[in-house]
Amino acid sequence: MIDSSKVIRKETVTTATLEDAWKAWTTVEGVTSFFVPKANTEPVVGGRYELFLSLKAPKGFQGTEGCKILALEPQKHLAFEFIAPPQFPNVRRLSTRVDVIFDQVAKGGVVKLDLAHSGFLEGEEWDEFFEFSTWNWDLVLGRFQYRFSGGPIDWNNPYIPHGISARPERKLRDHISS
């Protein structure tokens, strides 16, 4: 059962043009400049939106393999499927949804993003994934801001935004429940 009260909502404002902010979220070059070191994006509804963070992991465990774009309104709205990382094996079997709304605050270089991550179900592992995702979106949006002020992320020494603490603790899981 979906817990409709569990929606992660984040927003950020950055110095970028609307076009540059859009490209950052919808092109391979853009996504790899702040989100993940490797990506496969096809900016059409039904196109791939795959984010690869664990490049040394076996195929199928590197990131959001198989995820697709759900909605696309250029320079206004992007929605994509999102799956949990492998440390949440039961949750990973189902996708959640991320919506990003783009809004030009000032012509020529100030953009506001509103992000909503929804589709969380009930249960202990889902609660842990929710907590992890809340932390992760702070990290991602901080890197998105940095990308326009300091340049693309160096994935050999990734930028950690000020105020971002260590990853939330997760229980070690040695089985997948049915």
C-alpha atoms as a PDB file:
ATOM      1  CA  MET A   1       0.000   0.000   0.000  1.00  0.00           C
ATOM      2  CA  ILE A   2       1.355   3.428  -0.986  1.00  0.00           C
ATOM      3  CA  ASP A   3       1.793   5.844   1.887  1.00  0.00           C
ATOM      4  CA  SER A   4       0.612   9.067   0.216  1.00  0.00           C
ATOM      5  CA  SER A   5       1.849  11.110   3.172  1.00  0.00           C
ATOM      6  CA  LYS A   6       5.419  10.069   2.371  1.00  0.00           C
ATOM      7  CA  VAL A   7       6.597  12.453  -0.310  1.00  0.00           C
ATOM      8  CA  ILE A   8      10.036  14.020  -0.238  1.00  0.00           C
ATOM      9  CA  ARG A   9       9.809  17.660  -1.283  1.00  0.00           C
ATOM     10  CA  LYS A  10      12.952  19.691  -1.899  1.00  0.00           C
ATOM     11  CA  GLU A  11      13.673  22.958  -3.617  1.00  0.00           C
ATOM     12  CA  THR A  12      16.756  24.865  -4.625  1.00  0.00           C
ATOM     13  CA  VAL A  13      17.612  28.086  -6.385  1.00  0.00           C
ATOM     14  CA  THR A  14      20.758  28.365  -8.465  1.00  0.00           C
ATOM     15  CA  THR A  15      22.455  30.737 -10.835  1.00  0.00           C
ATOM     16  CA  ALA A  16      21.832  29.071 -14.186  1.00  0.00           C
ATOM     17  CA  THR A  17      19.745  29.782 -17.222  1.00  0.00           C
ATOM     18  CA  LEU A  18      16.582  27.755 -17.597  1.00  0.00           C
ATOM     19  CA  GLU A  19      18.078  26.107 -20.680  1.00  0.00           C
ATOM     20  CA  ASP A  20      21.292  25.116 -18.853  1.00  0.00           C
ATOM     21  CA  ALA A  21      19.379  23.779 -15.829  1.00  0.00           C
ATOM     22  CA  TRP A  22      17.158  21.722 -18.153  1.00  0.00           C
ATOM     23  CA  LYS A  23      20.163  20.297 -20.017  1.00  0.00           C
ATOM     24  CA  ALA A  24      21.782  19.407 -16.684  1.00  0.00           C
ATOM     25  CA  TRP A  25      18.869  17.093 -15.876  1.00  0.00           C
ATOM     26  CA  THR A  26      18.073  15.735 -19.358  1.00  0.00           C
ATOM     27  CA  THR A  27      21.367  15.109 -21.179  1.00  0.00           C
ATOM     28  CA  VAL A  28      24.137  12.611 -20.442  1.00  0.00           C
ATOM     29  CA  GLU A  29      26.676  15.458 -20.318  1.00  0.00           C
ATOM     30  CA  GLY A  30      24.485  17.393 -17.896  1.00  0.00           C
ATOM     31  CA  VAL A  31      23.544  14.507 -15.601  1.00  0.00           C
ATOM     32  CA  THR A  32      27.168  13.395 -15.280  1.00  0.00           C
ATOM     33  CA  SER A  33      28.210  16.956 -14.361  1.00  0.00           C
ATOM     34  CA  PHE A  34      26.430  16.777 -10.971  1.00  0.00           C
ATOM     35  CA  PHE A  35      24.227  13.689 -10.401  1.00  0.00           C
ATOM     36  CA  VAL A  36      26.234  10.533 -11.173  1.00  0.00           C
ATOM     37  CA  PRO A  37      29.505   9.644 -12.942  1.00  0.00           C
ATOM     38  CA  LYS A  38      27.739   7.751 -15.752  1.00  0.00           C
ATOM     39  CA  ALA A  39      24.234   7.986 -17.209  1.00  0.00           C
ATOM     40  CA  ASN A  40      22.030   6.901 -20.082  1.00  0.00           C
ATOM     41  CA  THR A  41      19.319   9.448 -20.860  1.00  0.00           C
ATOM     42  CA  GLU A  42      16.908   9.686 -23.767  1.00  0.00           C
ATOM     43  CA  PRO A  43      14.870  12.891 -23.320  1.00  0.00           C
ATOM     44  CA  VAL A  44      11.530  11.570 -24.598  1.00  0.00           C
ATOM     45  CA  VAL A  45       8.601  10.065 -22.696  1.00  0.00           C
ATOM     46  CA  GLY A  46       9.413   6.371 -22.352  1.00  0.00           C
ATOM     47  CA  GLY A  47      13.122   7.046 -22.960  1.00  0.00           C
ATOM     48  CA  ARG A  48      15.803   5.765 -20.614  1.00  0.00           C
ATOM     49  CA  TYR A  49      16.721   7.626 -17.446  1.00  0.00           C
ATOM     50  CA  GLU A  50      19.432   5.414 -16.041  1.00  0.00           C
ATOM     51  CA  LEU A  51      21.864   6.725 -13.436  1.00  0.00           C
ATOM     52  CA  PHE A  52      25.024   4.726 -12.695  1.00  0.00           C
ATOM     53  CA  LEU A  53      26.866   5.366  -9.439  1.00  0.00           C
ATOM     54  CA  SER A  54      28.480   2.014  -8.580  1.00  0.00           C
ATOM     55  CA  LEU A  55      30.421   1.398 -11.793  1.00  0.00           C
ATOM     56  CA  LYS A  56      32.374  -1.590 -10.400  1.00  0.00           C
ATOM     57  CA  ALA A  57      29.216  -3.400  -9.255  1.00  0.00           C
ATOM     58  CA  PRO A  58      27.748  -6.197 -11.409  1.00  0.00           C
ATOM     59  CA  LYS A  59      25.333  -5.143 -14.164  1.00  0.00           C
ATOM     60  CA  GLY A  60      21.890  -4.660 -12.699  1.00  0.00           C
ATOM     61  CA  PHE A  61      23.367  -3.290  -9.457  1.00  0.00           C
ATOM     62  CA  GLN A  62      25.154  -0.186 -10.752  1.00  0.00           C
ATOM     63  CA  GLY A  63      22.289   2.259 -10.399  1.00  0.00           C
ATOM     64  CA  THR A  64      18.820   2.841 -11.768  1.00  0.00           C
ATOM     65  CA  GLU A  65      19.016   0.393 -14.654  1.00  0.00           C
ATOM     66  CA  GLY A  66      15.767   0.103 -16.593  1.00  0.00           C
ATOM     67  CA  CYS A  67      14.226   3.359 -15.339  1.00  0.00           C
ATOM     68  CA  LYS A  68      12.341   5.509 -17.837  1.00  0.00           C
ATOM     69  CA  ILE A  69      11.186   9.081 -18.330  1.00  0.00           C
ATOM     70  CA  LEU A  70       7.517   9.366 -17.339  1.00  0.00           C
ATOM     71  CA  ALA A  71       6.759  12.974 -18.333  1.00  0.00           C
ATOM     72  CA  LEU A  72       8.608  15.680 -20.209  1.00  0.00           C
ATOM     73  CA  GLU A  73       7.635  19.280 -20.799  1.00  0.00           C
ATOM     74  CA  PRO A  74      10.784  21.061 -22.020  1.00  0.00           C
ATOM     75  CA  GLN A  75      12.254  23.531 -19.535  1.00  0.00           C
ATOM     76  CA  LYS A  76       9.230  23.064 -17.247  1.00  0.00           C
ATOM     77  CA  HIS A  77       8.744  19.499 -15.990  1.00  0.00           C
ATOM     78  CA  LEU A  78      10.699  16.238 -15.939  1.00  0.00           C
ATOM     79  CA  ALA A  79       9.398  13.074 -14.273  1.00  0.00           C
ATOM     80  CA  PHE A  80      11.294   9.796 -14.132  1.00  0.00           C
ATOM     81  CA  GLU A  81      11.208   6.402 -12.470  1.00  0.00           C
ATOM     82  CA  PHE A  82      13.650   5.880  -9.641  1.00  0.00           C
ATOM     83  CA  ILE A  83      14.663   2.640  -7.932  1.00  0.00           C
ATOM     84  CA  ALA A  84      16.365   2.133  -4.605  1.00  0.00           C
ATOM     85  CA  PRO A  85      20.053   1.259  -4.424  1.00  0.00           C
ATOM     86  CA  PRO A  86      20.986  -2.426  -3.945  1.00  0.00           C
ATOM     87  CA  GLN A  87      21.261  -2.092  -0.146  1.00  0.00           C
ATOM     88  CA  PHE A  88      17.427  -2.013  -0.189  1.00  0.00           C
ATOM     89  CA  PRO A  89      16.796  -5.301  -2.071  1.00  0.00           C
ATOM     90  CA  ASN A  90      13.068  -5.609  -1.388  1.00  0.00           C
ATOM     91  CA  VAL A  91      12.310  -1.965  -2.148  1.00  0.00           C
ATOM     92  CA  ARG A  92      14.498  -2.047  -5.282  1.00  0.00           C
ATOM     93  CA  ARG A  93      12.032  -4.371  -6.993  1.00  0.00           C
ATOM     94  CA  LEU A  94       9.520  -1.494  -7.362  1.00  0.00           C
ATOM     95  CA  SER A  95      10.077   1.937  -8.821  1.00  0.00           C
ATOM     96  CA  THR A  96       9.206   5.271  -7.282  1.00  0.00           C
ATOM     97  CA  ARG A  97       8.660   8.577  -9.100  1.00  0.00           C
ATOM     98  CA  VAL A  98      10.660  11.788  -9.140  1.00  0.00           C
ATOM     99  CA  ASP A  99       9.174  15.024 -10.504  1.00  0.00           C
ATOM    100  CA  VAL A 100      11.358  18.063 -11.126  1.00  0.00           C
ATOM    101  CA  ILE A 101       9.681  21.401 -11.877  1.00  0.00           C
ATOM    102  CA  PHE A 102      11.830  24.150 -13.436  1.00  0.00           C
ATOM    103  CA  ASP A 103      10.980  27.819 -12.913  1.00  0.00           C
ATOM    104  CA  GLN A 104      12.892  30.848 -14.131  1.00  0.00           C
ATOM    105  CA  VAL A 105      13.157  33.308 -11.248  1.00  0.00           C
ATOM    106  CA  ALA A 106      15.142  35.983 -13.081  1.00  0.00           C
ATOM    107  CA  LYS A 107      15.889  36.253 -16.795  1.00  0.00           C
ATOM    108  CA  GLY A 108      19.380  35.299 -17.785  1.00  0.00           C
ATOM    109  CA  GLY A 109      20.401  33.232 -14.860  1.00  0.00           C
ATOM    110  CA  VAL A 110      18.396  32.339 -11.771  1.00  0.00           C
ATOM    111  CA  VAL A 111      16.382  29.115 -11.714  1.00  0.00           C
ATOM    112  CA  LYS A 112      14.291  27.501  -8.997  1.00  0.00           C
ATOM    113  CA  LEU A 113      13.808  23.724  -8.948  1.00  0.00           C
ATOM    114  CA  ASP A 114      11.037  21.977  -7.048  1.00  0.00           C
ATOM    115  CA  LEU A 115      11.623  18.251  -6.620  1.00  0.00           C
ATOM    116  CA  ALA A 116       9.075  15.710  -5.372  1.00  0.00           C
ATOM    117  CA  HIS A 117       9.950  12.038  -4.821  1.00  0.00           C
ATOM    118  CA  SER A 118       6.832   9.894  -4.331  1.00  0.00           C
ATOM    119  CA  GLY A 119       5.619   6.307  -4.467  1.00  0.00           C
ATOM    120  CA  PHE A 120       6.976   5.093  -1.128  1.00  0.00           C
ATOM    121  CA  LEU A 121       5.195   2.093   0.355  1.00  0.00           C
ATOM    122  CA  GLU A 122       4.790   1.128   4.000  1.00  0.00           C
ATOM    123  CA  GLY A 123       7.304  -0.975   5.910  1.00  0.00           C
ATOM    124  CA  GLU A 124      10.627  -0.820   7.686  1.00  0.00           C
ATOM    125  CA  GLU A 125      12.808  -1.089   4.575  1.00  0.00           C
ATOM    126  CA  TRP A 126      10.681   1.533   2.807  1.00  0.00           C
ATOM    127  CA  ASP A 127      11.128   3.828   5.820  1.00  0.00           C
ATOM    128  CA  GLU A 128      14.908   3.356   5.592  1.00  0.00           C
ATOM    129  CA  PHE A 129      14.829   4.086   1.846  1.00  0.00           C
ATOM    130  CA  PHE A 130      12.758   7.229   2.517  1.00  0.00           C
ATOM    131  CA  GLU A 131      15.327   8.453   5.058  1.00  0.00           C
ATOM    132  CA  PHE A 132      18.204   7.637   2.691  1.00  0.00           C
ATOM    133  CA  SER A 133      16.440   9.421  -0.203  1.00  0.00           C
ATOM    134  CA  THR A 134      15.801  12.528   1.898  1.00  0.00           C
ATOM    135  CA  TRP A 135      19.538  12.706   2.594  1.00  0.00           C
ATOM    136  CA  ASN A 136      20.449  11.840  -1.004  1.00  0.00           C
ATOM    137  CA  TRP A 137      18.315  14.604  -2.565  1.00  0.00           C
ATOM    138  CA  ASP A 138      20.027  17.170  -0.329  1.00  0.00           C
ATOM    139  CA  LEU A 139      23.350  15.874  -1.663  1.00  0.00           C
ATOM    140  CA  VAL A 140      22.188  15.862  -5.311  1.00  0.00           C
ATOM    141  CA  LEU A 141      20.684  19.354  -5.167  1.00  0.00           C
ATOM    142  CA  GLY A 142      23.774  20.697  -3.409  1.00  0.00           C
ATOM    143  CA  ARG A 143      25.903  19.265  -6.197  1.00  0.00           C
ATOM    144  CA  PHE A 144      23.501  20.715  -8.776  1.00  0.00           C
ATOM    145  CA  GLN A 145      24.081  24.190  -7.267  1.00  0.00           C
ATOM    146  CA  TYR A 146      27.832  23.621  -7.130  1.00  0.00           C
ATOM    147  CA  ARG A 147      27.892  22.546 -10.766  1.00  0.00           C
ATOM    148  CA  PHE A 148      26.895  26.100 -11.775  1.00  0.00           C
ATOM    149  CA  SER A 149      29.110  27.937  -9.292  1.00  0.00           C
ATOM    150  CA  GLY A 150      32.208  25.730  -9.091  1.00  0.00           C
ATOM    151  CA  GLY A 151      32.019  23.536 -12.191  1.00  0.00           C
ATOM    152  CA  PRO A 152      31.241  19.888 -12.875  1.00  0.00           C
ATOM    153  CA  ILE A 153      31.723  17.358 -10.084  1.00  0.00           C
ATOM    154  CA  ASP A 154      35.082  15.591 -10.063  1.00  0.00           C
ATOM    155  CA  TRP A 155      33.922  12.017  -9.505  1.00  0.00           C
ATOM    156  CA  ASN A 156      37.395  11.002  -8.253  1.00  0.00           C
ATOM    157  CA  ASN A 157      36.933  13.480  -5.389  1.00  0.00           C
ATOM    158  CA  PRO A 158      33.205  14.331  -5.299  1.00  0.00           C
ATOM    159  CA  TYR A 159      32.049  17.567  -3.756  1.00  0.00           C
ATOM    160  CA  ILE A 160      30.127  17.258  -0.473  1.00  0.00           C
ATOM    161  CA  PRO A 161      27.913  20.313   0.148  1.00  0.00           C
ATOM    162  CA  HIS A 162      28.324  22.154   3.454  1.00  0.00           C
ATOM    163  CA  GLY A 163      25.933  20.815   6.085  1.00  0.00           C
ATOM    164  CA  ILE A 164      25.492  17.381   4.516  1.00  0.00           C
ATOM    165  CA  SER A 165      26.211  14.750   7.134  1.00  0.00           C
ATOM    166  CA  ALA A 166      27.298  11.165   6.618  1.00  0.00           C
ATOM    167  CA  ARG A 167      24.880   8.770   4.966  1.00  0.00           C
ATOM    168  CA  PRO A 168      22.086   7.495   7.193  1.00  0.00           C
ATOM    169  CA  GLU A 169      22.882   4.151   8.814  1.00  0.00           C
ATOM    170  CA  ARG A 170      21.285   1.150   7.151  1.00  0.00           C
ATOM    171  CA  LYS A 171      20.644  -2.315   8.467  1.00  0.00           C
ATOM    172  CA  LEU A 172      22.661  -5.068   6.878  1.00  0.00           C
ATOM    173  CA  ARG A 173      20.364  -7.368   4.940  1.00  0.00           C
ATOM    174  CA  ASP A 174      21.363 -10.877   4.007  1.00  0.00           C
ATOM    175  CA  HIS A 175      18.112 -11.985   2.448  1.00  0.00           C
ATOM    176  CA  ILE A 176      15.293 -10.850   0.233  1.00  0.00           C
ATOM    177  CA  SER A 177      11.823 -11.347   1.633  1.00  0.00           C
ATOM    178  CA  SER A 178       9.101 -12.703  -0.608  1.00  0.00           C
END
